[in-house]
């Protein structure tokens, strides 16, 4: 996430230094930040639900977080199945 914060800061700095405001870029940046927050919240919840709190880390890239979310969702699905179906 530290790298992500740096990218967001750079984008904000570019917008502030531009001659005219780019509202589309500002909206894209706001949506990107909101998505990252939702993704982090989901990953934290899944990690604790799957009894793997170490799976949550605040410094993951989006791709790493998506991969961990997929793995944890699969694990939780298997945990919810009756033993004879495994």
PDB file of N, CA and C in Angstrom:
ATOM      1  N   UNK A   1       0.808  -1.199   0.000  1.00  0.00           N
ATOM      2  CA  UNK A   1       0.000   0.000   0.000  1.00  0.00           C
ATOM      3  C   UNK A   1       0.853   1.264   0.000  1.00  0.00           C
ATOM      4  N   UNK A   2       2.072   1.196   0.565  1.00  0.00           N
ATOM      5  CA  UNK A   2       2.923   2.387   0.574  1.00  0.00           C
ATOM      6  C   UNK A   2       3.186   2.877  -0.848  1.00  0.00           C
ATOM      7  N   UNK A   3       3.416   1.939  -1.753  1.00  0.00           N
ATOM      8  CA  UNK A   3       3.634   2.320  -3.142  1.00  0.00           C
ATOM      9  C   UNK A   3       2.367   2.952  -3.710  1.00  0.00           C
ATOM     10  N   UNK A   4       1.229   2.404  -3.347  1.00  0.00           N
ATOM     11  CA  UNK A   4      -0.046   2.951  -3.824  1.00  0.00           C
ATOM     12  C   UNK A   4      -0.244   4.372  -3.316  1.00  0.00           C
ATOM     13  N   UNK A   5       0.072   4.596  -2.035  1.00  0.00           N
ATOM     14  CA  UNK A   5      -0.051   5.947  -1.489  1.00  0.00           C
ATOM     15  C   UNK A   5       0.855   6.915  -2.232  1.00  0.00           C
ATOM     16  N   UNK A   6       2.051   6.479  -2.562  1.00  0.00           N
ATOM     17  CA  UNK A   6       2.986   7.334  -3.303  1.00  0.00           C
ATOM     18  C   UNK A   6       2.421   7.689  -4.675  1.00  0.00           C
ATOM     19  N   UNK A   7       1.807   6.711  -5.339  1.00  0.00           N
ATOM     20  CA  UNK A   7       1.197   6.969  -6.653  1.00  0.00           C
ATOM     21  C   UNK A   7       0.040   7.947  -6.530  1.00  0.00           C
ATOM     22  N   UNK A   8      -0.773   7.783  -5.494  1.00  0.00           N
ATOM     23  CA  UNK A   8      -1.895   8.704  -5.298  1.00  0.00           C
ATOM     24  C   UNK A   8      -1.391  10.109  -5.003  1.00  0.00           C
ATOM     25  N   UNK A   9      -0.357  10.219  -4.174  1.00  0.00           N
ATOM     26  CA  UNK A   9       0.200  11.525  -3.844  1.00  0.00           C
ATOM     27  C   UNK A   9       0.745  12.202  -5.107  1.00  0.00           C
ATOM     28  N   UNK A  10       1.427  11.430  -5.934  1.00  0.00           N
ATOM     29  CA  UNK A  10       1.954  11.972  -7.179  1.00  0.00           C
ATOM     30  C   UNK A  10       0.816  12.475  -8.073  1.00  0.00           C
ATOM     31  N   UNK A  11      -0.259  11.703  -8.150  1.00  0.00           N
ATOM     32  CA  UNK A  11      -1.418  12.112  -8.966  1.00  0.00           C
ATOM     33  C   UNK A  11      -2.032  13.392  -8.426  1.00  0.00           C
ATOM     34  N   UNK A  12      -2.146  13.512  -7.116  1.00  0.00           N
ATOM     35  CA  UNK A  12      -2.702  14.728  -6.515  1.00  0.00           C
ATOM     36  C   UNK A  12      -1.782  15.911  -6.785  1.00  0.00           C
ATOM     37  N   UNK A  13      -0.482  15.699  -6.637  1.00  0.00           N
ATOM     38  CA  UNK A  13       0.480  16.778  -6.918  1.00  0.00           C
ATOM     39  C   UNK A  13       0.374  17.248  -8.366  1.00  0.00           C
ATOM     40  N   UNK A  14       0.219  16.295  -9.299  1.00  0.00           N
ATOM     41  CA  UNK A  14       0.065  16.664 -10.715  1.00  0.00           C
ATOM     42  C   UNK A  14      -1.195  17.489 -10.930  1.00  0.00           C
ATOM     43  N   UNK A  15      -2.284  17.081 -10.274  1.00  0.00           N
ATOM     44  CA  UNK A  15      -3.531  17.829 -10.434  1.00  0.00           C
ATOM     45  C   UNK A  15      -3.408  19.239  -9.876  1.00  0.00           C
ATOM     46  N   UNK A  16      -2.754  19.404  -8.732  1.00  0.00           N
ATOM     47  CA  UNK A  16      -2.608  20.727  -8.120  1.00  0.00           C
ATOM     48  C   UNK A  16      -1.719  21.634  -8.957  1.00  0.00           C
ATOM     49  N   UNK A  17      -0.729  21.043  -9.635  1.00  0.00           N
ATOM     50  CA  UNK A  17       0.195  21.878 -10.402  1.00  0.00           C
ATOM     51  C   UNK A  17      -0.300  22.157 -11.828  1.00  0.00           C
ATOM     52  N   UNK A  18      -1.380  21.510 -12.243  1.00  0.00           N
ATOM     53  CA  UNK A  18      -1.913  21.731 -13.596  1.00  0.00           C
ATOM     54  C   UNK A  18      -2.541  23.125 -13.705  1.00  0.00           C
ATOM     55  N   UNK A  19      -2.498  23.647 -14.899  1.00  0.00           N
ATOM     56  CA  UNK A  19      -3.062  24.978 -15.145  1.00  0.00           C
ATOM     57  C   UNK A  19      -4.583  24.984 -14.963  1.00  0.00           C
ATOM     58  N   UNK A  20      -5.235  23.901 -15.410  1.00  0.00           N
ATOM     59  CA  UNK A  20      -6.694  23.789 -15.285  1.00  0.00           C
ATOM     60  C   UNK A  20      -7.023  22.459 -14.611  1.00  0.00           C
ATOM     61  N   UNK A  21      -8.045  22.444 -13.775  1.00  0.00           N
ATOM     62  CA  UNK A  21      -8.398  21.191 -13.089  1.00  0.00           C
ATOM     63  C   UNK A  21      -8.911  20.127 -14.068  1.00  0.00           C
ATOM     64  N   UNK A  22      -8.477  18.902 -13.864  1.00  0.00           N
ATOM     65  CA  UNK A  22      -8.938  17.765 -14.663  1.00  0.00           C
ATOM     66  C   UNK A  22      -9.902  16.966 -13.789  1.00  0.00           C
ATOM     67  N   UNK A  23     -11.179  17.266 -13.925  1.00  0.00           N
ATOM     68  CA  UNK A  23     -12.181  16.649 -13.059  1.00  0.00           C
ATOM     69  C   UNK A  23     -12.333  15.155 -13.307  1.00  0.00           C
ATOM     70  N   UNK A  24     -12.097  14.722 -14.519  1.00  0.00           N
ATOM     71  CA  UNK A  24     -12.171  13.286 -14.811  1.00  0.00           C
ATOM     72  C   UNK A  24     -11.047  12.543 -14.091  1.00  0.00           C
ATOM     73  N   UNK A  25      -9.862  13.111 -14.089  1.00  0.00           N
ATOM     74  CA  UNK A  25      -8.736  12.499 -13.376  1.00  0.00           C
ATOM     75  C   UNK A  25      -9.002  12.487 -11.870  1.00  0.00           C
ATOM     76  N   UNK A  26      -9.573  13.573 -11.356  1.00  0.00           N
ATOM     77  CA  UNK A  26      -9.900  13.635  -9.929  1.00  0.00           C
ATOM     78  C   UNK A  26     -10.942  12.571  -9.569  1.00  0.00           C
ATOM     79  N   UNK A  27     -11.928  12.389 -10.402  1.00  0.00           N
ATOM     80  CA  UNK A  27     -12.963  11.379 -10.150  1.00  0.00           C
ATOM     81  C   UNK A  27     -12.370   9.974 -10.224  1.00  0.00           C
ATOM     82  N   UNK A  28     -11.465   9.743 -11.187  1.00  0.00           N
ATOM     83  CA  UNK A  28     -10.819   8.440 -11.312  1.00  0.00           C
ATOM     84  C   UNK A  28      -9.982   8.146 -10.074  1.00  0.00           C
ATOM     85  N   UNK A  29      -9.253   9.151  -9.592  1.00  0.00           N
ATOM     86  CA  UNK A  29      -8.414   8.980  -8.412  1.00  0.00           C
ATOM     87  C   UNK A  29      -9.272   8.687  -7.178  1.00  0.00           C
ATOM     88  N   UNK A  30     -10.358   9.420  -7.023  1.00  0.00           N
ATOM     89  CA  UNK A  30     -11.259   9.185  -5.881  1.00  0.00           C
ATOM     90  C   UNK A  30     -11.852   7.788  -5.927  1.00  0.00           C
ATOM     91  N   UNK A  31     -12.234   7.320  -7.101  1.00  0.00           N
ATOM     92  CA  UNK A  31     -12.785   5.961  -7.239  1.00  0.00           C
ATOM     93  C   UNK A  31     -11.722   4.917  -6.942  1.00  0.00           C
ATOM     94  N   UNK A  32     -10.494   5.165  -7.375  1.00  0.00           N
ATOM     95  CA  UNK A  32      -9.394   4.234  -7.127  1.00  0.00           C
ATOM     96  C   UNK A  32      -9.117   4.105  -5.633  1.00  0.00           C
ATOM     97  N   UNK A  33      -9.112   5.225  -4.929  1.00  0.00           N
ATOM     98  CA  UNK A  33      -8.893   5.210  -3.479  1.00  0.00           C
ATOM     99  C   UNK A  33     -10.030   4.474  -2.779  1.00  0.00           C
ATOM    100  N   UNK A  34     -11.261   4.705  -3.196  1.00  0.00           N
ATOM    101  CA  UNK A  34     -12.411   4.028  -2.589  1.00  0.00           C
ATOM    102  C   UNK A  34     -12.353   2.524  -2.820  1.00  0.00           C
ATOM    103  N   UNK A  35     -11.975   2.109  -4.033  1.00  0.00           N
ATOM    104  CA  UNK A  35     -11.855   0.682  -4.334  1.00  0.00           C
ATOM    105  C   UNK A  35     -10.793   0.021  -3.464  1.00  0.00           C
ATOM    106  N   UNK A  36      -9.676   0.691  -3.286  1.00  0.00           N
ATOM    107  CA  UNK A  36      -8.587   0.137  -2.475  1.00  0.00           C
ATOM    108  C   UNK A  36      -9.042  -0.037  -1.030  1.00  0.00           C
ATOM    109  N   UNK A  37      -9.802   0.919  -0.542  1.00  0.00           N
ATOM    110  CA  UNK A  37     -10.311   0.835   0.822  1.00  0.00           C
ATOM    111  C   UNK A  37     -11.268  -0.347   0.971  1.00  0.00           C
ATOM    112  N   UNK A  38     -12.159  -0.512   0.006  1.00  0.00           N
ATOM    113  CA  UNK A  38     -13.105  -1.635   0.041  1.00  0.00           C
ATOM    114  C   UNK A  38     -12.367  -2.960  -0.048  1.00  0.00           C
ATOM    115  N   UNK A  39     -11.344  -3.011  -0.896  1.00  0.00           N
ATOM    116  CA  UNK A  39     -10.571  -4.235  -1.069  1.00  0.00           C
ATOM    117  C   UNK A  39      -9.838  -4.590   0.227  1.00  0.00           C
ATOM    118  N   UNK A  40      -9.252  -3.601   0.884  1.00  0.00           N
ATOM    119  CA  UNK A  40      -8.541  -3.841   2.137  1.00  0.00           C
ATOM    120  C   UNK A  40      -9.495  -4.332   3.218  1.00  0.00           C
ATOM    121  N   UNK A  41     -10.681  -3.735   3.269  1.00  0.00           N
ATOM    122  CA  UNK A  41     -11.681  -4.154   4.254  1.00  0.00           C
ATOM    123  C   UNK A  41     -12.113  -5.599   4.005  1.00  0.00           C
ATOM    124  N   UNK A  42     -12.354  -5.940   2.744  1.00  0.00           N
ATOM    125  CA  UNK A  42     -12.758  -7.303   2.403  1.00  0.00           C
ATOM    126  C   UNK A  42     -11.651  -8.295   2.739  1.00  0.00           C
ATOM    127  N   UNK A  43     -10.413  -7.971   2.394  1.00  0.00           N
ATOM    128  CA  UNK A  43      -9.295  -8.872   2.678  1.00  0.00           C
ATOM    129  C   UNK A  43      -9.142  -9.092   4.175  1.00  0.00           C
ATOM    130  N   UNK A  44      -9.247  -8.024   4.960  1.00  0.00           N
ATOM    131  CA  UNK A  44      -9.127  -8.161   6.420  1.00  0.00           C
ATOM    132  C   UNK A  44     -10.224  -9.078   6.958  1.00  0.00           C
ATOM    133  N   UNK A  45     -11.451  -8.887   6.507  1.00  0.00           N
ATOM    134  CA  UNK A  45     -12.566  -9.715   6.982  1.00  0.00           C
ATOM    135  C   UNK A  45     -12.361 -11.179   6.610  1.00  0.00           C
ATOM    136  N   UNK A  46     -12.012 -11.436   5.344  1.00  0.00           N
ATOM    137  CA  UNK A  46     -11.805 -12.815   4.903  1.00  0.00           C
ATOM    138  C   UNK A  46     -10.653 -13.474   5.643  1.00  0.00           C
ATOM    139  N   UNK A  47      -9.577 -12.732   5.873  1.00  0.00           N
ATOM    140  CA  UNK A  47      -8.416 -13.284   6.573  1.00  0.00           C
ATOM    141  C   UNK A  47      -8.803 -13.756   7.973  1.00  0.00           C
ATOM    142  N   UNK A  48      -9.556 -12.950   8.679  1.00  0.00           N
ATOM    143  CA  UNK A  48      -9.954 -13.343  10.029  1.00  0.00           C
ATOM    144  C   UNK A  48     -11.011 -14.437  10.001  1.00  0.00           C
ATOM    145  N   UNK A  49     -11.933 -14.407   9.049  1.00  0.00           N
ATOM    146  CA  UNK A  49     -12.939 -15.459   8.928  1.00  0.00           C
ATOM    147  C   UNK A  49     -12.309 -16.815   8.619  1.00  0.00           C
ATOM    148  N   UNK A  50     -11.215 -16.800   7.861  1.00  0.00           N
ATOM    149  CA  UNK A  50     -10.533 -18.044   7.471  1.00  0.00           C
ATOM    150  C   UNK A  50      -9.453 -18.435   8.479  1.00  0.00           C
ATOM    151  N   UNK A  51      -9.407 -17.744   9.616  1.00  0.00           N
ATOM    152  CA  UNK A  51      -8.406 -18.011  10.653  1.00  0.00           C
ATOM    153  C   UNK A  51      -6.979 -17.856  10.132  1.00  0.00           C
ATOM    154  N   UNK A  52      -6.783 -16.888   9.242  1.00  0.00           N
ATOM    155  CA  UNK A  52      -5.464 -16.581   8.700  1.00  0.00           C
ATOM    156  C   UNK A  52      -5.237 -15.072   8.749  1.00  0.00           C
ATOM    157  N   UNK A  53      -5.160 -14.505   9.956  1.00  0.00           N
ATOM    158  CA  UNK A  53      -4.995 -13.049  10.041  1.00  0.00           C
ATOM    159  C   UNK A  53      -3.712 -12.545   9.380  1.00  0.00           C
ATOM    160  N   UNK A  54      -2.712 -13.421   9.272  1.00  0.00           N
ATOM    161  CA  UNK A  54      -1.463 -13.014   8.632  1.00  0.00           C
ATOM    162  C   UNK A  54      -1.621 -12.817   7.126  1.00  0.00           C
ATOM    163  N   UNK A  55      -2.731 -13.258   6.547  1.00  0.00           N
ATOM    164  CA  UNK A  55      -2.979 -13.062   5.114  1.00  0.00           C
ATOM    165  C   UNK A  55      -3.259 -11.594   4.798  1.00  0.00           C
ATOM    166  N   UNK A  56      -3.670 -10.831   5.822  1.00  0.00           N
ATOM    167  CA  UNK A  56      -3.909  -9.408   5.612  1.00  0.00           C
ATOM    168  C   UNK A  56      -2.609  -8.656   5.850  1.00  0.00           C
ATOM    169  N   UNK A  57      -2.248  -7.814   4.901  1.00  0.00           N
ATOM    170  CA  UNK A  57      -1.095  -6.924   5.041  1.00  0.00           C
ATOM    171  C   UNK A  57      -1.438  -5.613   4.354  1.00  0.00           C
ATOM    172  N   UNK A  58      -1.180  -4.501   5.010  1.00  0.00           N
ATOM    173  CA  UNK A  58      -1.559  -3.215   4.426  1.00  0.00           C
ATOM    174  C   UNK A  58      -0.688  -2.774   3.252  1.00  0.00           C
ATOM    175  N   UNK A  59       0.425  -3.453   3.012  1.00  0.00           N
ATOM    176  CA  UNK A  59       1.350  -3.010   1.964  1.00  0.00           C
ATOM    177  C   UNK A  59       1.262  -3.838   0.689  1.00  0.00           C
ATOM    178  N   UNK A  60       0.145  -4.499   0.450  1.00  0.00           N
ATOM    179  CA  UNK A  60      -0.020  -5.325  -0.748  1.00  0.00           C
ATOM    180  C   UNK A  60      -0.384  -4.469  -1.958  1.00  0.00           C
ATOM    181  N   UNK A  61      -0.008  -4.953  -3.125  1.00  0.00           N
ATOM    182  CA  UNK A  61      -0.483  -4.317  -4.352  1.00  0.00           C
ATOM    183  C   UNK A  61      -1.920  -4.780  -4.579  1.00  0.00           C
ATOM    184  N   UNK A  62      -2.596  -4.130  -5.503  1.00  0.00           N
ATOM    185  CA  UNK A  62      -3.973  -4.544  -5.826  1.00  0.00           C
ATOM    186  C   UNK A  62      -4.008  -5.989  -6.292  1.00  0.00           C
ATOM    187  N   UNK A  63      -3.057  -6.356  -7.150  1.00  0.00           N
ATOM    188  CA  UNK A  63      -3.025  -7.720  -7.696  1.00  0.00           C
ATOM    189  C   UNK A  63      -2.785  -8.744  -6.588  1.00  0.00           C
ATOM    190  N   UNK A  64      -1.875  -8.444  -5.671  1.00  0.00           N
ATOM    191  CA  UNK A  64      -1.607  -9.367  -4.563  1.00  0.00           C
ATOM    192  C   UNK A  64      -2.830  -9.507  -3.675  1.00  0.00           C
ATOM    193  N   UNK A  65      -3.493  -8.394  -3.403  1.00  0.00           N
ATOM    194  CA  UNK A  65      -4.696  -8.436  -2.573  1.00  0.00           C
ATOM    195  C   UNK A  65      -5.797  -9.234  -3.259  1.00  0.00           C
ATOM    196  N   UNK A  66      -5.984  -9.039  -4.563  1.00  0.00           N
ATOM    197  CA  UNK A  66      -6.996  -9.799  -5.304  1.00  0.00           C
ATOM    198  C   UNK A  66      -6.712 -11.290  -5.247  1.00  0.00           C
ATOM    199  N   UNK A  67      -5.448 -11.667  -5.377  1.00  0.00           N
ATOM    200  CA  UNK A  67      -5.082 -13.079  -5.335  1.00  0.00           C
ATOM    201  C   UNK A  67      -5.384 -13.665  -3.955  1.00  0.00           C
ATOM    202  N   UNK A  68      -5.004 -12.945  -2.914  1.00  0.00           N
ATOM    203  CA  UNK A  68      -5.282 -13.440  -1.559  1.00  0.00           C
ATOM    204  C   UNK A  68      -6.782 -13.526  -1.289  1.00  0.00           C
ATOM    205  N   UNK A  69      -7.537 -12.556  -1.792  1.00  0.00           N
ATOM    206  CA  UNK A  69      -8.992 -12.599  -1.617  1.00  0.00           C
ATOM    207  C   UNK A  69      -9.561 -13.850  -2.278  1.00  0.00           C
ATOM    208  N   UNK A  70      -9.116 -14.164  -3.477  1.00  0.00           N
ATOM    209  CA  UNK A  70      -9.598 -15.360  -4.184  1.00  0.00           C
ATOM    210  C   UNK A  70      -9.270 -16.633  -3.419  1.00  0.00           C
ATOM    211  N   UNK A  71      -8.053 -16.720  -2.917  1.00  0.00           N
ATOM    212  CA  UNK A  71      -7.633 -17.910  -2.165  1.00  0.00           C
ATOM    213  C   UNK A  71      -8.447 -18.044  -0.885  1.00  0.00           C
ATOM    214  N   UNK A  72      -8.630 -16.957  -0.164  1.00  0.00           N
ATOM    215  CA  UNK A  72      -9.385 -17.011   1.086  1.00  0.00           C
ATOM    216  C   UNK A  72     -10.855 -17.333   0.840  1.00  0.00           C
ATOM    217  N   UNK A  73     -11.434 -16.796  -0.238  1.00  0.00           N
ATOM    218  CA  UNK A  73     -12.825 -17.133  -0.566  1.00  0.00           C
ATOM    219  C   UNK A  73     -12.957 -18.619  -0.870  1.00  0.00           C
ATOM    220  N   UNK A  74     -11.994 -19.180  -1.598  1.00  0.00           N
ATOM    221  CA  UNK A  74     -12.024 -20.614  -1.900  1.00  0.00           C
ATOM    222  C   UNK A  74     -11.895 -21.435  -0.621  1.00  0.00           C
ATOM    223  N   UNK A  75     -10.995 -21.012   0.271  1.00  0.00           N
ATOM    224  CA  UNK A  75     -10.816 -21.728   1.538  1.00  0.00           C
ATOM    225  C   UNK A  75     -12.101 -21.692   2.360  1.00  0.00           C
ATOM    226  N   UNK A  76     -12.728 -20.530   2.440  1.00  0.00           N
ATOM    227  CA  UNK A  76     -13.966 -20.418   3.215  1.00  0.00           C
ATOM    228  C   UNK A  76     -15.082 -21.254   2.605  1.00  0.00           C
ATOM    229  N   UNK A  77     -15.117 -21.345   1.291  1.00  0.00           N
ATOM    230  CA  UNK A  77     -16.121 -22.186   0.636  1.00  0.00           C
ATOM    231  C   UNK A  77     -15.902 -23.647   1.024  1.00  0.00           C
ATOM    232  N   UNK A  78     -14.638 -24.075   1.009  1.00  0.00           N
ATOM    233  CA  UNK A  78     -14.340 -25.454   1.401  1.00  0.00           C
ATOM    234  C   UNK A  78     -14.633 -25.700   2.881  1.00  0.00           C
ATOM    235  N   UNK A  79     -14.371 -24.719   3.705  1.00  0.00           N
ATOM    236  CA  UNK A  79     -14.646 -24.866   5.146  1.00  0.00           C
ATOM    237  C   UNK A  79     -16.146 -24.991   5.411  1.00  0.00           C
ATOM    238  N   UNK A  80     -16.966 -24.425   4.532  1.00  0.00           N
ATOM    239  CA  UNK A  80     -18.401 -24.472   4.723  1.00  0.00           C
ATOM    240  C   UNK A  80     -19.054 -25.737   4.195  1.00  0.00           C
ATOM    241  N   UNK A  81     -18.302 -26.536   3.426  1.00  0.00           N
ATOM    242  CA  UNK A  81     -18.839 -27.776   2.859  1.00  0.00           C
ATOM    243  C   UNK A  81     -18.804 -28.899   3.897  1.00  0.00           C
ATOM    244  N   UNK A  82     -19.742 -29.824   3.813  1.00  0.00           N
ATOM    245  CA  UNK A  82     -19.683 -30.992   4.687  1.00  0.00           C
ATOM    246  C   UNK A  82     -18.419 -31.819   4.389  1.00  0.00           C
ATOM    247  N   UNK A  83     -17.851 -32.491   5.390  1.00  0.00           N
ATOM    248  CA  UNK A  83     -16.607 -33.240   5.197  1.00  0.00           C
ATOM    249  C   UNK A  83     -16.670 -34.295   4.099  1.00  0.00           C
ATOM    250  N   UNK A  84     -17.816 -34.923   3.892  1.00  0.00           N
ATOM    251  CA  UNK A  84     -17.897 -36.001   2.898  1.00  0.00           C
ATOM    252  C   UNK A  84     -17.819 -35.503   1.449  1.00  0.00           C
ATOM    253  N   UNK A  85     -17.923 -34.179   1.235  1.00  0.00           N
ATOM    254  CA  UNK A  85     -17.869 -33.663  -0.129  1.00  0.00           C
ATOM    255  C   UNK A  85     -16.442 -33.294  -0.541  1.00  0.00           C
ATOM    256  N   UNK A  86     -15.501 -33.389   0.382  1.00  0.00           N
ATOM    257  CA  UNK A  86     -14.119 -33.022   0.056  1.00  0.00           C
ATOM    258  C   UNK A  86     -13.432 -34.130  -0.607  1.00  0.00           C
TER     259      UNK A  86
END
